[in-house]
Amino acid sequence: MNKKCIVRLAEGLGNQLFMYANAYAISKKLNYDLYLDIESGYFKKKNQYRKYELNKLNISGKIIKEKFIFNNHFLDLKRKFLLKKDFLTKKKLFITEKVDQNKKSFYFNYLDTIVNDNIILEGYFQSEKYFKDFRKQLINEFIVNKKFISKDNNYINALKTCNSVSICLRRNRFSEGKIKNDFKSNQFTKNTIKYIYRSVDFIKKKLNDPKFFLWTNDFSDLNEYFDPSEYTYIKFNENKSVNDFNLFKYSKHFIVGPTSFHWWGAWLNTNFNKVCIRPSCINPSNNVDYWPKNWITV
């Protein structure tokens, strides 16, 4: 009987990529078959504004359809019981991301703790340390399937034919699917804009004739902060998330926004001479190892 590594997926595309990448690395290192639970993380009402999107990429993992799915409230209670039972056993079914006393996560080598023939991975695992040895394979795994890519996307040629710099502004960071314009989200947006301004100044001194392209999940009032004559807005609504994601590979450089979605665009980009800038004082993740060490801090 083949050993199974099952990843419980949740949240948006960026976080799904982190979860999958970690599971992919573990499955390869331990020679387990990789399976995806695409239901348990989405059945609750508070999670339903997100959806599973890895099916739009050329991933090799298979969908699990067995007893390891906990996709309703009764089965979720069963899962919680199994988690408590797991605490007392050596052969653990669940491999759960560790956190410290401040609820911060960090890189941890889970390989030595895995002794069960079937494991379920739960957590975000938002650090390249979990999977950077498989970068080449993941670049291929995370190619957008051609049937989801629009053939009429004029931004591709624009990004390819200049010294393009990708910028991503995530708005409503803490209020997506809930209320808008809450204080915490607004403050996050203001801090991100200040970081982008600093980074644009840095890029102008470092690169020859840079052209700035701006991705965002909310274009309202954006011209108050970013002059459309200097910034090209990436406005494309057809299969927006994956088409936005696909465009990242054509950019030359990145002012990486504090969002896992843009993190992956920068990390997967294969431009050998790319400049990747990241914020010095904004971490959208609870993982202290979130930012790659070779990205420039501004």
C-alpha atoms as a PDB file:
ATOM      1  CA  MET A   1       0.000   0.000   0.000  1.00  0.00           C
ATOM      2  CA  ASN A   2       1.439   3.369  -1.035  1.00  0.00           C
ATOM      3  CA  LYS A   3       2.203   5.951   1.627  1.00  0.00           C
ATOM      4  CA  LYS A   4       0.140   9.128   1.417  1.00  0.00           C
ATOM      5  CA  CYS A   5       1.052  12.756   2.086  1.00  0.00           C
ATOM      6  CA  ILE A   6      -2.196  14.738   2.202  1.00  0.00           C
ATOM      7  CA  VAL A   7      -2.215  18.533   2.326  1.00  0.00           C
ATOM      8  CA  ARG A   8      -5.258  20.345   3.695  1.00  0.00           C
ATOM      9  CA  LEU A   9      -5.630  23.358   1.396  1.00  0.00           C
ATOM     10  CA  ALA A  10      -7.248  26.636   2.403  1.00  0.00           C
ATOM     11  CA  GLU A  11      -7.269  30.401   1.777  1.00  0.00           C
ATOM     12  CA  GLY A  12      -6.416  32.053  -1.569  1.00  0.00           C
ATOM     13  CA  LEU A  13      -4.063  31.082  -4.355  1.00  0.00           C
ATOM     14  CA  GLY A  14      -0.879  32.438  -2.710  1.00  0.00           C
ATOM     15  CA  ASN A  15      -1.373  30.421   0.472  1.00  0.00           C
ATOM     16  CA  GLN A  16      -2.435  27.345  -1.498  1.00  0.00           C
ATOM     17  CA  LEU A  17       0.916  27.530  -3.282  1.00  0.00           C
ATOM     18  CA  PHE A  18       2.829  27.585   0.022  1.00  0.00           C
ATOM     19  CA  MET A  19       0.869  24.627   1.360  1.00  0.00           C
ATOM     20  CA  TYR A  20       1.297  22.634  -1.823  1.00  0.00           C
ATOM     21  CA  ALA A  21       5.013  23.416  -2.169  1.00  0.00           C
ATOM     22  CA  ASN A  22       5.774  22.198   1.338  1.00  0.00           C
ATOM     23  CA  ALA A  23       3.764  19.011   0.796  1.00  0.00           C
ATOM     24  CA  TYR A  24       5.421  18.462  -2.573  1.00  0.00           C
ATOM     25  CA  ALA A  25       8.888  18.682  -0.995  1.00  0.00           C
ATOM     26  CA  ILE A  26       7.991  16.296   1.834  1.00  0.00           C
ATOM     27  CA  SER A  27       6.411  13.786  -0.548  1.00  0.00           C
ATOM     28  CA  LYS A  28       9.506  13.778  -2.751  1.00  0.00           C
ATOM     29  CA  LYS A  29      11.976  13.488   0.137  1.00  0.00           C
ATOM     30  CA  LEU A  30      10.078  10.618   1.785  1.00  0.00           C
ATOM     31  CA  ASN A  31       8.744   8.956  -1.373  1.00  0.00           C
ATOM     32  CA  TYR A  32       5.081   9.424  -0.420  1.00  0.00           C
ATOM     33  CA  ASP A  33       2.264   9.888  -2.924  1.00  0.00           C
ATOM     34  CA  LEU A  34       0.983  13.490  -2.863  1.00  0.00           C
ATOM     35  CA  TYR A  35      -2.733  14.079  -2.365  1.00  0.00           C
ATOM     36  CA  LEU A  36      -4.808  17.233  -1.940  1.00  0.00           C
ATOM     37  CA  ASP A  37      -7.760  17.799   0.384  1.00  0.00           C
ATOM     38  CA  ILE A  38      -9.614  20.569  -1.425  1.00  0.00           C
ATOM     39  CA  GLU A  39     -12.780  20.507   0.705  1.00  0.00           C
ATOM     40  CA  SER A  40     -12.039  20.536   4.449  1.00  0.00           C
ATOM     41  CA  GLY A  41     -10.559  24.036   4.434  1.00  0.00           C
ATOM     42  CA  TYR A  42     -13.489  25.656   2.624  1.00  0.00           C
ATOM     43  CA  PHE A  43     -16.776  24.293   3.933  1.00  0.00           C
ATOM     44  CA  LYS A  44     -17.196  26.777   6.810  1.00  0.00           C
ATOM     45  CA  LYS A  45     -19.114  29.922   5.935  1.00  0.00           C
ATOM     46  CA  LYS A  46     -16.263  32.269   6.913  1.00  0.00           C
ATOM     47  CA  ASN A  47     -13.986  30.556   4.366  1.00  0.00           C
ATOM     48  CA  GLN A  48     -16.374  30.412   1.434  1.00  0.00           C
ATOM     49  CA  TYR A  49     -15.295  33.692  -0.166  1.00  0.00           C
ATOM     50  CA  ARG A  50     -12.075  31.846  -1.079  1.00  0.00           C
ATOM     51  CA  LYS A  51     -11.892  28.864  -3.414  1.00  0.00           C
ATOM     52  CA  TYR A  52      -9.539  26.139  -4.528  1.00  0.00           C
ATOM     53  CA  GLU A  53      -7.546  27.337  -7.558  1.00  0.00           C
ATOM     54  CA  LEU A  54      -4.594  24.991  -7.998  1.00  0.00           C
ATOM     55  CA  ASN A  55      -6.658  23.078 -10.556  1.00  0.00           C
ATOM     56  CA  LYS A  56      -5.832  25.930 -12.932  1.00  0.00           C
ATOM     57  CA  LEU A  57      -2.122  25.084 -12.718  1.00  0.00           C
ATOM     58  CA  ASN A  58      -0.221  22.092 -14.072  1.00  0.00           C
ATOM     59  CA  ILE A  59       0.190  20.413 -10.686  1.00  0.00           C
ATOM     60  CA  SER A  60       0.845  16.696 -10.320  1.00  0.00           C
ATOM     61  CA  GLY A  61      -0.831  16.124  -6.940  1.00  0.00           C
ATOM     62  CA  LYS A  62      -4.051  14.105  -6.909  1.00  0.00           C
ATOM     63  CA  ILE A  63      -7.348  14.864  -5.185  1.00  0.00           C
ATOM     64  CA  ILE A  64      -7.952  12.684  -2.115  1.00  0.00           C
ATOM     65  CA  LYS A  65     -11.394  11.043  -1.997  1.00  0.00           C
ATOM     66  CA  GLU A  66     -11.153   8.854   1.058  1.00  0.00           C
ATOM     67  CA  LYS A  67     -11.626   8.952   4.840  1.00  0.00           C
ATOM     68  CA  PHE A  68      -9.141  11.829   5.237  1.00  0.00           C
ATOM     69  CA  ILE A  69     -11.644  14.529   4.226  1.00  0.00           C
ATOM     70  CA  PHE A  70     -13.394  16.494   6.994  1.00  0.00           C
ATOM     71  CA  ASN A  71     -15.799  18.622   4.967  1.00  0.00           C
ATOM     72  CA  ASN A  72     -18.737  19.183   7.337  1.00  0.00           C
ATOM     73  CA  HIS A  73     -19.214  20.154  10.972  1.00  0.00           C
ATOM     74  CA  PHE A  74     -19.607  16.568  12.208  1.00  0.00           C
ATOM     75  CA  LEU A  75     -16.479  15.376  10.438  1.00  0.00           C
ATOM     76  CA  ASP A  76     -14.619  18.459  11.651  1.00  0.00           C
ATOM     77  CA  LEU A  77     -15.438  17.438  15.229  1.00  0.00           C
ATOM     78  CA  LYS A  78     -14.009  14.017  14.396  1.00  0.00           C
ATOM     79  CA  ARG A  79     -10.880  15.728  13.078  1.00  0.00           C
ATOM     80  CA  LYS A  80     -10.482  17.681  16.328  1.00  0.00           C
ATOM     81  CA  PHE A  81     -10.811  14.442  18.310  1.00  0.00           C
ATOM     82  CA  LEU A  82      -8.156  12.801  16.136  1.00  0.00           C
ATOM     83  CA  LEU A  83      -5.846  15.788  16.673  1.00  0.00           C
ATOM     84  CA  LYS A  84      -6.134  15.356  20.454  1.00  0.00           C
ATOM     85  CA  LYS A  85      -5.589  11.617  20.134  1.00  0.00           C
ATOM     86  CA  ASP A  86      -2.578  12.292  17.918  1.00  0.00           C
ATOM     87  CA  PHE A  87      -0.950  14.270  20.708  1.00  0.00           C
ATOM     88  CA  LEU A  88      -0.532  11.055  22.722  1.00  0.00           C
ATOM     89  CA  THR A  89       0.733   8.826  19.912  1.00  0.00           C
ATOM     90  CA  LYS A  90       4.111   8.455  18.232  1.00  0.00           C
ATOM     91  CA  LYS A  91       2.763   7.612  14.769  1.00  0.00           C
ATOM     92  CA  LYS A  92       1.029  10.908  14.136  1.00  0.00           C
ATOM     93  CA  LEU A  93      -1.583  11.261  11.418  1.00  0.00           C
ATOM     94  CA  PHE A  94      -1.441  15.083  11.561  1.00  0.00           C
ATOM     95  CA  ILE A  95       1.698  17.132  10.965  1.00  0.00           C
ATOM     96  CA  THR A  96       0.688  20.582  12.186  1.00  0.00           C
ATOM     97  CA  GLU A  97       2.760  23.719  11.712  1.00  0.00           C
ATOM     98  CA  LYS A  98       4.509  24.692  14.940  1.00  0.00           C
ATOM     99  CA  VAL A  99       4.114  28.110  16.563  1.00  0.00           C
ATOM    100  CA  ASP A 100       5.907  29.733  19.493  1.00  0.00           C
ATOM    101  CA  GLN A 101       4.402  31.356  22.606  1.00  0.00           C
ATOM    102  CA  ASN A 102       3.717  34.513  20.581  1.00  0.00           C
ATOM    103  CA  LYS A 103       1.837  32.502  17.921  1.00  0.00           C
ATOM    104  CA  LYS A 104       4.675  33.074  15.458  1.00  0.00           C
ATOM    105  CA  SER A 105       5.555  30.250  13.095  1.00  0.00           C
ATOM    106  CA  PHE A 106       9.062  29.445  11.912  1.00  0.00           C
ATOM    107  CA  TYR A 107      10.927  26.972   9.747  1.00  0.00           C
ATOM    108  CA  PHE A 108      11.089  23.519  11.322  1.00  0.00           C
ATOM    109  CA  ASN A 109      12.334  20.250   9.842  1.00  0.00           C
ATOM    110  CA  TYR A 110       9.345  17.927  10.148  1.00  0.00           C
ATOM    111  CA  LEU A 111      10.930  15.043   8.253  1.00  0.00           C
ATOM    112  CA  ASP A 112      12.351  13.318  11.343  1.00  0.00           C
ATOM    113  CA  THR A 113       8.931  13.380  13.050  1.00  0.00           C
ATOM    114  CA  ILE A 114       7.098  11.517  10.270  1.00  0.00           C
ATOM    115  CA  VAL A 115       6.712   7.801  11.002  1.00  0.00           C
ATOM    116  CA  ASN A 116       3.127   7.168   9.882  1.00  0.00           C
ATOM    117  CA  ASP A 117       2.330   5.717   6.447  1.00  0.00           C
ATOM    118  CA  ASN A 118      -0.374   8.371   6.023  1.00  0.00           C
ATOM    119  CA  ILE A 119       0.057  12.008   7.048  1.00  0.00           C
ATOM    120  CA  ILE A 120      -2.135  15.097   6.847  1.00  0.00           C
ATOM    121  CA  LEU A 121      -0.321  18.443   6.681  1.00  0.00           C
ATOM    122  CA  GLU A 122      -2.059  21.419   8.272  1.00  0.00           C
ATOM    123  CA  GLY A 123      -0.589  24.925   8.268  1.00  0.00           C
ATOM    124  CA  TYR A 124       0.734  27.622   5.961  1.00  0.00           C
ATOM    125  CA  PHE A 125       4.470  26.775   5.878  1.00  0.00           C
ATOM    126  CA  GLN A 126       5.290  30.199   4.424  1.00  0.00           C
ATOM    127  CA  SER A 127       9.030  29.945   3.951  1.00  0.00           C
ATOM    128  CA  GLU A 128      11.164  28.923   0.997  1.00  0.00           C
ATOM    129  CA  LYS A 129      13.276  26.868   3.415  1.00  0.00           C
ATOM    130  CA  TYR A 130      10.680  24.114   3.173  1.00  0.00           C
ATOM    131  CA  PHE A 131      10.899  23.680  -0.583  1.00  0.00           C
ATOM    132  CA  LYS A 132      13.730  25.715  -2.157  1.00  0.00           C
ATOM    133  CA  ASP A 133      15.573  22.501  -3.139  1.00  0.00           C
ATOM    134  CA  PHE A 134      12.689  21.808  -5.535  1.00  0.00           C
ATOM    135  CA  ARG A 135      12.535  25.216  -7.179  1.00  0.00           C
ATOM    136  CA  LYS A 136      12.958  23.885 -10.748  1.00  0.00           C
ATOM    137  CA  GLN A 137      10.201  21.325 -10.287  1.00  0.00           C
ATOM    138  CA  LEU A 138       7.852  23.833  -8.676  1.00  0.00           C
ATOM    139  CA  ILE A 139       8.346  26.316 -11.514  1.00  0.00           C
ATOM    140  CA  ASN A 140       6.936  23.615 -13.811  1.00  0.00           C
ATOM    141  CA  GLU A 141       4.221  22.583 -11.354  1.00  0.00           C
ATOM    142  CA  PHE A 142       2.988  26.160 -11.068  1.00  0.00           C
ATOM    143  CA  ILE A 143       2.664  26.973 -14.766  1.00  0.00           C
ATOM    144  CA  VAL A 144      -0.881  28.169 -15.499  1.00  0.00           C
ATOM    145  CA  ASN A 145      -2.803  25.732 -17.686  1.00  0.00           C
ATOM    146  CA  LYS A 146      -3.138  27.212 -21.174  1.00  0.00           C
ATOM    147  CA  LYS A 147      -6.922  26.861 -21.230  1.00  0.00           C
ATOM    148  CA  PHE A 148      -7.198  29.468 -18.458  1.00  0.00           C
ATOM    149  CA  ILE A 149      -4.891  32.026 -20.110  1.00  0.00           C
ATOM    150  CA  SER A 150      -6.493  34.701 -22.244  1.00  0.00           C
ATOM    151  CA  LYS A 151      -4.955  35.073 -25.701  1.00  0.00           C
ATOM    152  CA  ASP A 152      -5.970  38.737 -25.836  1.00  0.00           C
ATOM    153  CA  ASN A 153      -3.842  39.914 -22.913  1.00  0.00           C
ATOM    154  CA  ASN A 154      -1.898  42.907 -24.232  1.00  0.00           C
ATOM    155  CA  TYR A 155       0.071  43.293 -21.024  1.00  0.00           C
ATOM    156  CA  ILE A 156       2.332  40.341 -21.893  1.00  0.00           C
ATOM    157  CA  ASN A 157       4.103  42.168 -24.701  1.00  0.00           C
ATOM    158  CA  ALA A 158       4.282  45.385 -22.673  1.00  0.00           C
ATOM    159  CA  LEU A 159       6.038  43.597 -19.792  1.00  0.00           C
ATOM    160  CA  LYS A 160       8.429  41.736 -22.083  1.00  0.00           C
ATOM    161  CA  THR A 161       9.585  44.721 -24.141  1.00  0.00           C
ATOM    162  CA  CYS A 162      10.747  47.117 -21.421  1.00  0.00           C
ATOM    163  CA  ASN A 163      12.604  47.182 -18.109  1.00  0.00           C
ATOM    164  CA  SER A 164       9.376  46.251 -16.331  1.00  0.00           C
ATOM    165  CA  VAL A 165       8.905  46.399 -12.573  1.00  0.00           C
ATOM    166  CA  SER A 166       5.995  44.536 -11.013  1.00  0.00           C
ATOM    167  CA  ILE A 167       4.270  46.209  -8.048  1.00  0.00           C
ATOM    168  CA  CYS A 168       1.422  44.657  -6.094  1.00  0.00           C
ATOM    169  CA  LEU A 169      -0.852  46.574  -3.729  1.00  0.00           C
ATOM    170  CA  ARG A 170      -3.165  44.409  -1.676  1.00  0.00           C
ATOM    171  CA  ARG A 171      -6.068  46.398  -0.274  1.00  0.00           C
ATOM    172  CA  ASN A 172      -8.665  45.345   2.324  1.00  0.00           C
ATOM    173  CA  ARG A 173      -6.018  43.044   3.807  1.00  0.00           C
ATOM    174  CA  PHE A 174      -7.999  42.235   6.954  1.00  0.00           C
ATOM    175  CA  SER A 175     -11.523  42.731   5.690  1.00  0.00           C
ATOM    176  CA  GLU A 176     -11.861  40.651   2.511  1.00  0.00           C
ATOM    177  CA  GLY A 177     -15.182  38.832   2.538  1.00  0.00           C
ATOM    178  CA  LYS A 178     -16.298  40.946   5.524  1.00  0.00           C
ATOM    179  CA  ILE A 179     -16.554  44.726   5.851  1.00  0.00           C
ATOM    180  CA  LYS A 180     -14.529  47.262   3.955  1.00  0.00           C
ATOM    181  CA  ASN A 181     -12.625  50.318   5.111  1.00  0.00           C
ATOM    182  CA  ASP A 182     -11.795  49.069   8.588  1.00  0.00           C
ATOM    183  CA  PHE A 183      -8.945  50.829  10.399  1.00  0.00           C
ATOM    184  CA  LYS A 184      -6.531  47.887  10.414  1.00  0.00           C
ATOM    185  CA  SER A 185      -6.853  47.308   6.676  1.00  0.00           C
ATOM    186  CA  ASN A 186      -6.554  51.015   5.897  1.00  0.00           C
ATOM    187  CA  GLN A 187      -3.390  51.295   7.978  1.00  0.00           C
ATOM    188  CA  PHE A 188      -1.915  48.271   6.229  1.00  0.00           C
ATOM    189  CA  THR A 189      -2.645  49.874   2.857  1.00  0.00           C
ATOM    190  CA  LYS A 190      -1.067  53.186   3.914  1.00  0.00           C
ATOM    191  CA  ASN A 191       2.082  51.416   5.120  1.00  0.00           C
ATOM    192  CA  THR A 192       2.268  49.455   1.870  1.00  0.00           C
ATOM    193  CA  ILE A 193       1.958  52.625  -0.232  1.00  0.00           C
ATOM    194  CA  LYS A 194       4.766  54.295   1.743  1.00  0.00           C
ATOM    195  CA  TYR A 195       6.923  51.214   1.148  1.00  0.00           C
ATOM    196  CA  ILE A 196       6.150  51.320  -2.588  1.00  0.00           C
ATOM    197  CA  TYR A 197       7.144  55.001  -2.779  1.00  0.00           C
ATOM    198  CA  ARG A 198      10.504  54.234  -1.093  1.00  0.00           C
ATOM    199  CA  SER A 199      11.076  51.287  -3.393  1.00  0.00           C
ATOM    200  CA  VAL A 200      10.251  53.232  -6.566  1.00  0.00           C
ATOM    201  CA  ASP A 201      12.865  55.823  -5.581  1.00  0.00           C
ATOM    202  CA  PHE A 202      15.354  53.015  -4.989  1.00  0.00           C
ATOM    203  CA  ILE A 203      14.584  51.361  -8.339  1.00  0.00           C
ATOM    204  CA  LYS A 204      14.959  54.627 -10.261  1.00  0.00           C
ATOM    205  CA  LYS A 205      18.502  54.981  -8.918  1.00  0.00           C
ATOM    206  CA  LYS A 206      19.402  51.355  -9.564  1.00  0.00           C
ATOM    207  CA  LEU A 207      17.827  50.501 -12.941  1.00  0.00           C
ATOM    208  CA  ASN A 208      17.955  52.120 -16.347  1.00  0.00           C
ATOM    209  CA  ASP A 209      14.599  53.489 -17.536  1.00  0.00           C
ATOM    210  CA  PRO A 210      12.305  51.308 -15.394  1.00  0.00           C
ATOM    211  CA  LYS A 211       8.625  51.016 -16.274  1.00  0.00           C
ATOM    212  CA  PHE A 212       6.209  50.390 -13.408  1.00  0.00           C
ATOM    213  CA  PHE A 213       3.247  48.021 -13.642  1.00  0.00           C
ATOM    214  CA  LEU A 214       0.722  47.888 -10.821  1.00  0.00           C
ATOM    215  CA  TRP A 215      -1.402  44.909  -9.771  1.00  0.00           C
ATOM    216  CA  THR A 216      -4.148  45.329  -7.163  1.00  0.00           C
ATOM    217  CA  ASN A 217      -7.382  43.767  -5.947  1.00  0.00           C
ATOM    218  CA  ASP A 218      -9.100  47.164  -5.706  1.00  0.00           C
ATOM    219  CA  PHE A 219      -8.554  50.001  -8.211  1.00  0.00           C
ATOM    220  CA  SER A 220     -10.877  52.525  -6.543  1.00  0.00           C
ATOM    221  CA  ASP A 221      -9.208  55.917  -5.975  1.00  0.00           C
ATOM    222  CA  LEU A 222      -5.857  54.435  -6.987  1.00  0.00           C
ATOM    223  CA  ASN A 223      -4.979  57.476  -9.133  1.00  0.00           C
ATOM    224  CA  GLU A 224      -4.807  59.529  -5.926  1.00  0.00           C
ATOM    225  CA  TYR A 225      -1.668  57.602  -5.001  1.00  0.00           C
ATOM    226  CA  PHE A 226      -0.202  56.411  -8.295  1.00  0.00           C
ATOM    227  CA  ASP A 227      -0.200  58.668 -11.355  1.00  0.00           C
ATOM    228  CA  PRO A 228      -1.545  56.662 -14.346  1.00  0.00           C
ATOM    229  CA  SER A 229       0.976  58.460 -16.581  1.00  0.00           C
ATOM    230  CA  GLU A 230       3.808  56.810 -14.602  1.00  0.00           C
ATOM    231  CA  TYR A 231       2.196  53.515 -13.594  1.00  0.00           C
ATOM    232  CA  THR A 232       0.483  51.038 -15.892  1.00  0.00           C
ATOM    233  CA  TYR A 233      -2.519  49.496 -14.125  1.00  0.00           C
ATOM    234  CA  ILE A 234      -2.952  45.787 -14.779  1.00  0.00           C
ATOM    235  CA  LYS A 235      -6.702  45.642 -15.329  1.00  0.00           C
ATOM    236  CA  PHE A 236      -7.765  42.247 -16.591  1.00  0.00           C
ATOM    237  CA  ASN A 237     -10.930  40.613 -15.236  1.00  0.00           C
ATOM    238  CA  GLU A 238     -11.115  37.339 -17.168  1.00  0.00           C
ATOM    239  CA  ASN A 239      -9.936  34.577 -14.794  1.00  0.00           C
ATOM    240  CA  LYS A 240      -8.311  37.457 -12.946  1.00  0.00           C
ATOM    241  CA  SER A 241      -6.282  35.641 -10.298  1.00  0.00           C
ATOM    242  CA  VAL A 242      -4.558  33.176 -12.626  1.00  0.00           C
ATOM    243  CA  ASN A 243      -4.091  35.667 -15.471  1.00  0.00           C
ATOM    244  CA  ASP A 244      -2.568  38.154 -13.016  1.00  0.00           C
ATOM    245  CA  PHE A 245      -0.399  35.334 -11.687  1.00  0.00           C
ATOM    246  CA  ASN A 246       0.659  34.301 -15.194  1.00  0.00           C
ATOM    247  CA  LEU A 247       1.758  37.868 -16.013  1.00  0.00           C
ATOM    248  CA  PHE A 248       4.307  37.899 -13.181  1.00  0.00           C
ATOM    249  CA  LYS A 249       6.625  35.625 -15.150  1.00  0.00           C
ATOM    250  CA  TYR A 250       7.051  38.304 -17.858  1.00  0.00           C
ATOM    251  CA  SER A 251       8.150  41.072 -15.492  1.00  0.00           C
ATOM    252  CA  LYS A 252      11.868  41.831 -15.202  1.00  0.00           C
ATOM    253  CA  HIS A 253      11.914  43.062 -11.581  1.00  0.00           C
ATOM    254  CA  PHE A 254       9.714  43.182  -8.483  1.00  0.00           C
ATOM    255  CA  ILE A 255       8.728  45.539  -5.712  1.00  0.00           C
ATOM    256  CA  VAL A 256       7.261  42.628  -3.791  1.00  0.00           C
ATOM    257  CA  GLY A 257       4.047  43.531  -2.026  1.00  0.00           C
ATOM    258  CA  PRO A 258       3.225  42.149   1.433  1.00  0.00           C
ATOM    259  CA  THR A 259       1.048  39.435  -0.046  1.00  0.00           C
ATOM    260  CA  SER A 260       1.748  35.733  -0.607  1.00  0.00           C
ATOM    261  CA  PHE A 261       0.289  36.014  -4.121  1.00  0.00           C
ATOM    262  CA  HIS A 262       3.002  38.464  -5.225  1.00  0.00           C
ATOM    263  CA  TRP A 263       5.681  36.649  -3.191  1.00  0.00           C
ATOM    264  CA  TRP A 264       5.170  33.664  -5.456  1.00  0.00           C
ATOM    265  CA  GLY A 265       5.226  35.763  -8.618  1.00  0.00           C
ATOM    266  CA  ALA A 266       8.659  37.082  -7.650  1.00  0.00           C
ATOM    267  CA  TRP A 267      10.013  33.757  -6.389  1.00  0.00           C
ATOM    268  CA  LEU A 268       9.001  31.799  -9.499  1.00  0.00           C
ATOM    269  CA  ASN A 269      10.181  34.442 -11.970  1.00  0.00           C
ATOM    270  CA  THR A 270      13.189  33.142 -13.936  1.00  0.00           C
ATOM    271  CA  ASN A 271      14.790  36.433 -15.020  1.00  0.00           C
ATOM    272  CA  PHE A 272      18.431  35.858 -14.039  1.00  0.00           C
ATOM    273  CA  ASN A 273      19.118  39.552 -13.350  1.00  0.00           C
ATOM    274  CA  LYS A 274      15.875  40.324 -11.530  1.00  0.00           C
ATOM    275  CA  VAL A 275      15.856  42.754  -8.627  1.00  0.00           C
ATOM    276  CA  CYS A 276      13.468  41.772  -5.833  1.00  0.00           C
ATOM    277  CA  ILE A 277      12.687  44.350  -3.166  1.00  0.00           C
ATOM    278  CA  ARG A 278      10.766  43.543  -0.025  1.00  0.00           C
ATOM    279  CA  PRO A 279       9.510  45.715   2.861  1.00  0.00           C
ATOM    280  CA  SER A 280      11.631  46.142   5.966  1.00  0.00           C
ATOM    281  CA  CYS A 281       8.792  46.540   8.437  1.00  0.00           C
ATOM    282  CA  ILE A 282       5.762  44.764   6.928  1.00  0.00           C
ATOM    283  CA  ASN A 283       5.343  40.999   7.176  1.00  0.00           C
ATOM    284  CA  PRO A 284       1.965  39.687   5.995  1.00  0.00           C
ATOM    285  CA  SER A 285       2.833  36.296   7.458  1.00  0.00           C
ATOM    286  CA  ASN A 286       3.192  35.018  11.020  1.00  0.00           C
ATOM    287  CA  ASN A 287       6.273  33.137   9.827  1.00  0.00           C
ATOM    288  CA  VAL A 288       9.509  34.812  10.890  1.00  0.00           C
ATOM    289  CA  ASP A 289      11.284  33.113   7.954  1.00  0.00           C
ATOM    290  CA  TYR A 290       8.845  34.443   5.357  1.00  0.00           C
ATOM    291  CA  TRP A 291      11.171  36.722   3.345  1.00  0.00           C
ATOM    292  CA  PRO A 292      14.023  35.176   1.288  1.00  0.00           C
ATOM    293  CA  LYS A 293      17.413  36.380   2.512  1.00  0.00           C
ATOM    294  CA  ASN A 294      18.630  37.495  -0.935  1.00  0.00           C
ATOM    295  CA  TRP A 295      15.804  39.986  -1.524  1.00  0.00           C
ATOM    296  CA  ILE A 296      16.688  43.650  -0.966  1.00  0.00           C
ATOM    297  CA  THR A 297      15.151  45.239   2.127  1.00  0.00           C
ATOM    298  CA  VAL A 298      13.756  48.755   1.707  1.00  0.00           C
END
